[in-house]
């Protein structure tokens, strides 16, 4: 009886696994490095003149409505 049943894909499994891990790590490193690059090279926002906020009307409470 033959007990030898190695398939070519099965014997390449460790190589394929490490190739996939390498590609995933490469994609993540490109993403992280580009995010760091763009965050370090942003132009600072210019500070414009501050405009005063409009004064909001006070909302009457329930007790003021009950008196009226």
Protein backbone atom coordinates (compact mmCIF):
# COMPACT_ATOMS: atom_id res chain seq x y z
CA UNK A 1 0.00 0.00 0.00
CA UNK A 2 1.14 3.47 -0.84
CA UNK A 3 0.86 5.96 1.99
CA UNK A 4 2.56 8.77 0.11
CA UNK A 5 -0.06 11.42 -0.71
CA UNK A 6 1.72 14.77 -0.90
CA UNK A 7 0.15 17.33 -3.15
CA UNK A 8 2.20 20.15 -4.68
CA UNK A 9 0.04 22.82 -3.02
CA UNK A 10 0.38 21.15 0.36
CA UNK A 11 4.15 21.15 0.14
CA UNK A 12 4.12 24.85 -0.82
CA UNK A 13 1.89 25.76 2.10
CA UNK A 14 4.63 27.29 4.31
CA UNK A 15 6.00 29.33 1.40
CA UNK A 16 2.55 30.57 0.40
CA UNK A 17 1.73 31.39 4.03
CA UNK A 18 4.84 33.52 4.51
CA UNK A 19 4.31 35.19 1.13
CA UNK A 20 0.78 36.22 2.15
CA UNK A 21 1.99 37.42 5.55
CA UNK A 22 4.73 39.45 3.83
CA UNK A 23 2.24 41.07 1.42
CA UNK A 24 -0.19 41.95 4.23
CA UNK A 25 2.63 43.43 6.32
CA UNK A 26 3.83 45.42 3.31
CA UNK A 27 0.36 46.86 2.68
CA UNK A 28 -0.08 47.80 6.34
CA UNK A 29 3.35 49.43 6.49
CA UNK A 30 2.61 51.48 3.36
CA UNK A 31 -0.69 52.60 4.89
CA UNK A 32 0.88 53.51 8.25
CA UNK A 33 3.86 55.29 6.71
CA UNK A 34 1.69 57.32 4.34
CA UNK A 35 -0.63 58.28 7.21
CA UNK A 36 2.36 59.45 9.26
CA UNK A 37 3.82 61.31 6.28
CA UNK A 38 0.60 63.18 5.54
CA UNK A 39 0.03 63.99 9.21
CA UNK A 40 3.53 65.45 9.56
CA UNK A 41 3.36 67.48 6.34
CA UNK A 42 0.02 69.19 6.83
CA UNK A 43 -0.09 72.94 6.55
CA UNK A 44 -1.27 74.70 9.66
CA UNK A 45 -4.65 76.35 9.42
CA UNK A 46 -4.58 80.12 9.32
CA UNK A 47 -6.25 81.81 12.25
CA UNK A 48 -8.89 84.18 11.00
CA UNK A 49 -10.46 87.07 12.83
CA UNK A 50 -12.66 85.91 15.63
CA UNK A 51 -16.27 86.93 15.20
CA UNK A 52 -18.36 87.26 18.34
CA UNK A 53 -21.11 84.71 18.63
CA UNK A 54 -24.65 86.04 18.64
CA UNK A 55 -26.34 86.15 22.02
CA UNK A 56 -28.99 83.49 22.28
CA UNK A 57 -32.36 84.19 23.81
CA UNK A 58 -32.96 82.51 27.11
CA UNK A 59 -35.55 79.78 26.98
CA UNK A 60 -38.36 80.24 29.44
CA UNK A 61 -38.71 77.49 31.97
CA UNK A 62 -41.84 75.59 32.92
CA UNK A 63 -42.38 77.66 36.09
CA UNK A 64 -42.35 80.94 34.08
CA UNK A 65 -44.92 79.50 31.68
CA UNK A 66 -47.16 78.41 34.54
CA UNK A 67 -47.18 81.93 36.03
CA UNK A 68 -48.22 83.51 32.73
